[in-house]
Protein backbone atom coordinates (compact mmCIF):
# COMPACT_ATOMS: atom_id res chain seq x y z
CA LEU A 1 -26.30 -4.46 -17.07
CA VAL A 2 -24.20 -7.65 -17.28
CA ILE A 3 -21.25 -5.70 -18.72
CA ASP A 4 -21.48 -3.04 -15.98
CA LYS A 5 -21.72 -5.74 -13.33
CA GLN A 6 -18.67 -7.56 -14.72
CA THR A 7 -16.77 -4.25 -14.89
CA LEU A 8 -17.54 -3.51 -11.25
CA LEU A 9 -16.51 -7.04 -10.24
CA ASP A 10 -13.24 -6.66 -12.15
CA ASP A 11 -12.58 -3.31 -10.45
CA ILE A 12 -13.29 -4.86 -7.05
CA GLN A 13 -10.96 -7.77 -7.77
CA SER A 14 -8.24 -5.36 -8.95
CA LEU A 15 -8.60 -3.31 -5.78
CA ARG A 16 -8.34 -6.44 -3.65
CA GLU A 17 -5.22 -7.61 -5.46
CA ARG A 18 -3.70 -4.15 -5.15
CA LEU A 19 -4.43 -4.04 -1.42
CA ASN A 20 -2.89 -7.47 -0.89
CA LEU A 21 0.20 -6.49 -2.88
CA VAL A 22 0.63 -3.20 -1.00
CA ASN A 23 0.22 -4.94 2.36
CA ALA A 24 2.77 -7.62 1.41
CA LEU A 25 5.32 -5.04 0.23
CA ASN A 26 4.83 -2.93 3.34
CA GLU A 27 5.21 -5.93 5.63
CA GLU A 28 8.38 -7.01 3.87
CA GLU A 29 9.86 -3.51 4.04
CA ILE A 30 8.97 -3.18 7.73
CA ASN A 31 10.63 -6.49 8.54
CA GLU A 32 13.73 -5.48 6.57
CA TRP A 33 14.00 -2.15 8.42
CA LYS A 34 13.53 -3.86 11.78
CA ARG A 35 16.25 -6.38 10.93
CA LEU A 36 18.62 -3.61 9.83
CA LEU A 37 17.84 -1.61 12.97
CA ASP A 38 18.57 -4.54 15.30
CA GLN A 39 21.70 -5.47 13.37
CA SER A 40 22.93 -1.86 13.37
CA LYS A 41 22.42 -1.54 17.12
CA ASP A 42 24.18 -4.82 17.85
CA ASP A 43 27.02 -4.07 15.44
CA SER A 44 27.55 -0.56 16.83
CA ILE A 45 27.63 -1.70 20.46
CA SER A 46 29.92 -4.63 19.69
CA PHE A 47 32.21 -2.45 17.57
CA TYR A 48 32.67 0.28 20.20
CA ARG A 49 33.04 -2.24 23.03
CA GLU A 50 35.73 -4.08 21.07
CA GLU A 51 37.48 -0.82 20.17
CA LEU A 52 37.50 0.30 23.82
CA THR A 53 38.83 -3.08 24.98
CA ASN A 54 41.59 -3.00 22.38
CA ALA A 55 42.53 0.56 23.34
CA ILE A 56 42.79 -0.35 27.03
CA ARG A 57 44.87 -3.42 26.22
CA ASP A 58 47.20 -1.38 23.99
CA ILE A 59 47.61 1.24 26.71
CA LYS A 60 48.52 -1.37 29.30
CA ARG A 61 50.96 -3.10 26.96
CA ASP A 62 52.66 0.15 25.94
CA TYR A 63 52.82 1.31 29.54
CA SER A 64 54.45 -1.95 30.61
CA LYS A 65 57.01 -1.72 27.82
CA GLN A 66 57.85 1.89 28.60
CA ALA A 67 58.07 1.22 32.33
CA LYS A 68 60.38 -1.73 31.76
CA LYS A 69 62.54 0.30 29.40
CA PHE A 70 62.77 3.25 31.81
CA GLN A 71 63.54 0.91 34.68
CA ASP A 72 66.38 -0.74 32.78
CA GLU A 73 67.83 2.60 31.72
CA LEU A 74 67.53 3.97 35.25
CA GLU A 75 69.22 0.94 36.78
CA TYR A 76 72.00 1.18 34.20
CA GLN A 77 72.55 4.86 34.96
CA ILE A 78 72.47 4.28 38.70
CA GLU A 79 74.98 1.46 38.46
CA GLY A 80 77.30 3.64 36.37
CA GLN A 81 77.04 6.55 38.79
CA LEU A 82 77.57 4.19 41.70
CA ARG A 83 80.77 2.83 40.17
CA MET A 84 81.97 6.37 39.49
CA VAL A 85 81.33 7.40 43.11
CA GLU A 86 83.07 4.31 44.44
CA ASN A 87 86.08 5.02 42.27
CA GLN A 88 86.16 8.61 43.47
CA LEU A 89 85.96 7.50 47.08
CA LYS A 90 88.78 5.08 46.59
CA GLN A 91 90.92 7.86 45.15
CA MET A 92 90.26 10.19 48.17
CA PRO A 93 92.42 9.08 51.15
CA GLY A 94 90.95 11.41 53.82
CA VAL A 95 87.30 10.53 53.47
CA SER A 96 85.69 9.16 56.61
CA GLU A 97 83.00 6.53 56.97
CA THR A 98 80.46 9.18 57.95
CA SER A 99 81.13 11.13 54.80
CA ILE A 100 80.75 7.98 52.76
CA HIS A 101 77.44 7.26 54.46
CA GLU A 102 76.21 10.79 53.79
CA MET A 103 77.27 10.59 50.19
CA GLU A 104 75.52 7.24 49.83
CA LYS A 105 72.38 8.72 51.34
CA ASN A 106 72.51 11.69 48.99
CA ARG A 107 73.08 9.37 46.07
CA LEU A 108 70.05 7.27 47.00
CA GLN A 109 67.98 10.41 47.46
CA GLN A 110 69.00 11.66 44.03
CA MET A 111 68.18 8.28 42.57
CA GLU A 112 64.73 8.38 44.18
CA GLU A 113 64.17 11.91 42.95
CA THR A 114 65.26 10.93 39.46
CA LYS A 115 63.02 7.89 39.55
CA LEU A 116 60.12 9.96 40.86
CA ARG A 117 60.69 12.60 38.18
CA THR A 118 60.78 9.93 35.49
CA THR A 119 57.63 8.35 36.86
CA MET A 120 55.85 11.70 36.88
CA GLU A 121 56.88 12.33 33.29
CA ASP A 122 55.59 8.89 32.32
CA TYR A 123 52.40 9.60 34.20
CA ASP A 124 51.95 12.89 32.37
CA LYS A 125 52.47 11.16 29.02
CA GLU A 126 50.00 8.43 29.86
CA GLN A 127 47.54 11.05 31.10
CA ILE A 128 47.83 12.89 27.78
CA ARG A 129 47.29 9.65 25.90
CA LEU A 130 44.34 8.80 28.12
CA ASN A 131 42.84 12.21 27.38
CA ASP A 132 43.27 11.58 23.66
CA LEU A 133 41.60 8.19 23.96
CA THR A 134 38.80 9.73 26.01
CA LYS A 135 38.28 12.32 23.29
CA ILE A 136 38.20 9.57 20.65
CA LEU A 137 35.70 7.65 22.77
CA SER A 138 33.55 10.78 23.10
CA ASP A 139 33.62 11.22 19.33
CA LYS A 140 32.61 7.58 18.90
CA ARG A 141 29.75 8.05 21.33
CA ARG A 142 28.64 11.16 19.46
CA LEU A 143 28.70 9.21 16.20
CA LEU A 144 26.69 6.47 17.89
CA ARG A 145 24.12 9.03 19.06
CA ASP A 146 23.95 10.42 15.52
CA GLU A 147 23.37 6.92 14.15
CA GLU A 148 20.68 6.31 16.74
CA GLY A 149 19.07 9.62 15.78
CA LYS A 150 19.08 8.56 12.13
CA LEU A 151 17.54 5.23 13.07
CA HIS A 152 14.83 6.97 15.09
CA GLU A 153 14.16 9.27 12.14
CA MET A 154 13.88 6.24 9.86
CA GLU A 155 11.47 4.63 12.32
CA ARG A 156 9.37 7.81 12.36
CA LYS A 157 9.26 7.88 8.55
CA ILE A 158 8.29 4.21 8.48
CA ARG A 159 5.48 4.89 10.96
CA GLU A 160 4.28 7.84 8.89
CA LYS A 161 4.41 5.71 5.74
CA GLN A 162 2.45 2.95 7.46
CA PHE A 163 -0.14 5.48 8.63
CA HIS A 164 -0.40 6.91 5.12
CA GLU A 165 -0.79 3.44 3.65
CA ARG A 166 -3.43 2.53 6.23
CA THR A 167 -5.27 5.72 5.31
CA ILE A 168 -5.13 4.75 1.62
CA VAL A 169 -6.35 1.24 2.43
CA GLU A 170 -9.23 2.59 4.49
CA ARG A 171 -10.14 5.05 1.74
CA LEU A 172 -10.05 2.29 -0.89
CA LYS A 173 -12.15 0.08 1.35
CA THR A 174 -14.65 2.90 1.83
CA GLU A 175 -14.81 3.47 -1.93
CA TYR A 176 -15.22 -0.27 -2.46
CA ASP A 177 -18.09 -0.43 0.05
CA ASP A 178 -19.68 2.66 -1.54
CA LEU A 179 -19.42 1.18 -5.05
CA ARG A 180 -20.82 -2.10 -3.83
CA GLY A 181 -23.74 -0.37 -2.10
CA ARG A 182 -24.47 1.70 -5.19
CA PHE A 183 -24.29 -1.38 -7.38
CA GLU A 184 -26.70 -3.29 -5.12
CA HIS A 185 -29.05 -0.29 -4.99
CA MET A 186 -28.97 0.07 -8.77
CA ALA A 187 -29.61 -3.66 -9.23
CA HIS A 188 -32.52 -3.50 -6.78
CA GLU A 189 -34.10 -0.51 -8.52
CA LEU A 190 -33.45 -2.01 -11.94
CA ARG A 191 -35.18 -5.27 -11.02
CA PHE A 192 -38.32 -3.50 -9.84
CA SER A 193 -38.30 -1.14 -12.84
CA ILE A 194 -38.05 -4.07 -15.27
CA GLU A 195 -40.90 -5.85 -13.48
CA ASP A 196 -43.03 -2.69 -13.73
CA GLU A 197 -42.23 -2.32 -17.42
CA LEU A 198 -43.07 -5.97 -18.07
CA ARG A 199 -46.41 -5.55 -16.29
CA ILE A 200 -47.13 -2.48 -18.45
CA TYR A 201 -46.23 -4.43 -21.60
CA SER A 202 -48.46 -7.29 -20.50
CA ARG A 203 -51.46 -5.01 -19.95
CA LEU A 204 -50.89 -3.18 -23.24
CA LEU A 205 -50.57 -6.43 -25.17
CA ASP A 206 -53.69 -7.83 -23.49
CA GLU A 207 -55.64 -4.71 -24.46
CA LEU A 208 -54.24 -4.88 -27.97
CA MET A 209 -55.18 -8.54 -28.35
CA LYS A 210 -58.68 -7.88 -27.01
CA LYS A 211 -59.14 -4.97 -29.39
CA SER A 212 -57.84 -7.02 -32.31
CA SER A 213 -60.15 -9.93 -31.47
CA THR A 214 -63.16 -7.59 -31.16
CA THR A 215 -62.37 -5.89 -34.48
CA THR A 216 -61.89 -9.23 -36.25
CA THR A 217 -65.16 -10.67 -34.91
CA SER A 218 -67.19 -7.60 -35.82
CA SER A 219 -65.70 -7.52 -39.30
CA ILE A 220 -66.57 -11.19 -39.90
CA HIS A 221 -70.22 -10.81 -38.78
CA THR A 222 -70.76 -7.54 -40.60
CA ASN A 223 -69.29 -8.49 -43.97
CA GLN A 224 -70.47 -12.11 -44.40
CA SER A 225 -72.66 -11.14 -47.38
CA GLY A 226 -70.28 -8.48 -48.72
CA LEU A 227 -67.87 -8.52 -51.61
CA ASN A 228 -64.31 -9.84 -51.59
CA SER A 229 -62.96 -6.38 -52.30
CA THR A 230 -64.62 -5.03 -49.20
CA THR A 231 -63.10 -7.82 -47.14
CA ILE A 232 -59.66 -7.19 -48.57
CA ARG A 233 -59.97 -3.43 -47.99
CA SER A 234 -61.06 -3.89 -44.36
CA SER A 235 -58.21 -6.32 -43.80
CA SER A 236 -55.79 -3.83 -45.32
CA ILE A 237 -57.09 -1.06 -43.10
CA GLU A 238 -56.77 -3.29 -40.05
CA ASP A 239 -53.26 -4.32 -40.99
CA HIS A 240 -52.25 -0.70 -41.49
CA SER A 241 -53.73 0.31 -38.15
CA THR A 242 -51.75 -2.34 -36.29
CA PRO A 243 -48.30 -0.79 -36.92
CA SER A 244 -49.70 2.58 -35.83
CA ILE A 245 -50.76 1.04 -32.55
CA PHE A 246 -47.34 -0.59 -32.14
CA GLN A 247 -45.66 2.70 -33.03
CA HIS A 248 -47.67 4.45 -30.34
CA LEU A 249 -46.80 1.71 -27.85
CA HIS A 250 -43.09 1.96 -28.75
CA THR A 251 -43.15 5.76 -28.32
CA SER A 252 -44.88 5.46 -24.93
CA THR A 253 -42.40 2.80 -23.80
CA SER A 254 -39.40 4.90 -24.83
CA GLY A 255 -40.86 7.80 -22.88
CA LEU A 256 -41.30 5.58 -19.85
CA PHE A 257 -37.68 4.41 -20.08
CA ASP A 258 -36.46 8.00 -20.42
CA LEU A 259 -38.54 9.00 -17.41
CA ALA A 260 -37.26 6.04 -15.36
CA GLY A 261 -33.66 6.76 -16.33
CA THR A 262 -34.01 10.43 -15.37
CA HIS A 263 -35.67 9.61 -12.06
CA SER A 264 -33.25 6.85 -11.00
CA GLY A 265 -30.07 8.56 -12.15
CA TRP A 266 -29.16 5.84 -14.73
CA SER A 267 -27.97 8.22 -17.38
CA GLN A 268 -24.89 6.04 -17.98
CA MET A 269 -26.82 2.77 -18.55
CA PRO A 270 -27.94 2.72 -22.20
CA ASN A 271 -28.04 -1.08 -22.25
CA LEU A 272 -31.38 -1.07 -20.35
CA SER A 273 -33.16 1.01 -22.98
CA ILE A 274 -31.54 -0.96 -25.83
CA SER A 275 -32.51 -4.30 -24.28
CA ALA A 276 -36.08 -3.12 -23.71
CA GLU A 277 -36.35 -1.81 -27.29
CA ASN A 278 -35.04 -5.13 -28.63
CA LEU A 279 -37.60 -6.96 -26.48
CA PHE A 280 -40.34 -4.67 -27.73
CA ARG A 281 -39.31 -5.12 -31.37
CA THR A 282 -39.30 -8.92 -30.91
CA ASN A 283 -42.77 -8.89 -29.34
CA GLU A 284 -43.96 -6.44 -31.98
CA THR A 285 -42.71 -8.72 -34.77
CA GLU A 286 -44.38 -11.76 -33.24
CA ILE A 287 -47.69 -9.95 -32.74
CA GLN A 288 -47.48 -8.46 -36.24
CA GLU A 289 -46.90 -11.92 -37.67
CA THR A 290 -49.88 -13.17 -35.66
CA PHE A 291 -52.12 -10.40 -37.03
CA ASP A 292 -50.82 -10.98 -40.55
CA GLY A 293 -51.64 -14.66 -40.19
CA GLU A 294 -55.13 -13.88 -38.95
CA SER A 295 -55.66 -11.45 -41.83
CA MET A 296 -54.58 -14.07 -44.34
CA ILE A 297 -56.87 -16.67 -42.77
CA ARG A 298 -59.70 -14.17 -42.66
CA SER A 299 -59.19 -13.18 -46.29
CA SER A 300 -59.12 -16.81 -47.36
CA SER A 301 -62.30 -17.50 -45.41
CA TYR A 302 -64.10 -14.60 -47.04
CA SER A 303 -62.92 -15.66 -50.44
CA THR A 304 -64.22 -19.16 -49.82
CA LEU A 305 -67.56 -17.81 -48.67
CA ASN A 306 -67.87 -15.65 -51.73
């Protein structure tokens, strides 16, 4: 019983330690995933915001450079054409002021058209580049959505794992409570069964002692004038009958233990029967020694009388 109790206590302690370890590991893993999730969200948002800011800054810088370059080239071309026209006008003697004014107007109009055409071309180029950057930004957003989907999937798996672990913990707790209840029930039944067996032993020993005392007294009064051989023979018969009585008592007790074990469902508790048999053998030895001592005293008394 003590060994079984210690085994159950060890199992309970092991289950408690295992539950504490599992809870600690789960808590640490959950905190790590939460930290990674927050860090990933912050890093992704900061990264794409910084990339978009850099792209806009690069676009503005490149546009300014290209515009300045085109403006310088256009001014250089206009100045060259203007010098050529002035030289041509100087070489033509019959050109009037009105013609010069018209030519100047046409020249300015051509310059504006050229400038407008150049601006439109620059606008088209920048529009194409903007479309490319928009496509890149869309791809980045799609990647961000994919990462968020992965994070949500990881969160779902973590929740499922937590639910599974909670189910295991609840099942282990239920098994622990069931084992504890069974252990307490077995201890309760065992205590009452041992008390019943001890009461049975007490009554049997009382009856045996009464019977032994009655037999001894009747033998003394009957054989006071008899021979020593008769006394020795009666003592021998009495001594031989005592083990038979103890053998019968031992057989009855074993049957009682078998019946109790079958009724209570203690088929896996051999220590109870062994302990009871050891107790019975100890009591049997003491009683046998007592009867042997009485027989020796009685034999000596009869020898003295004779």
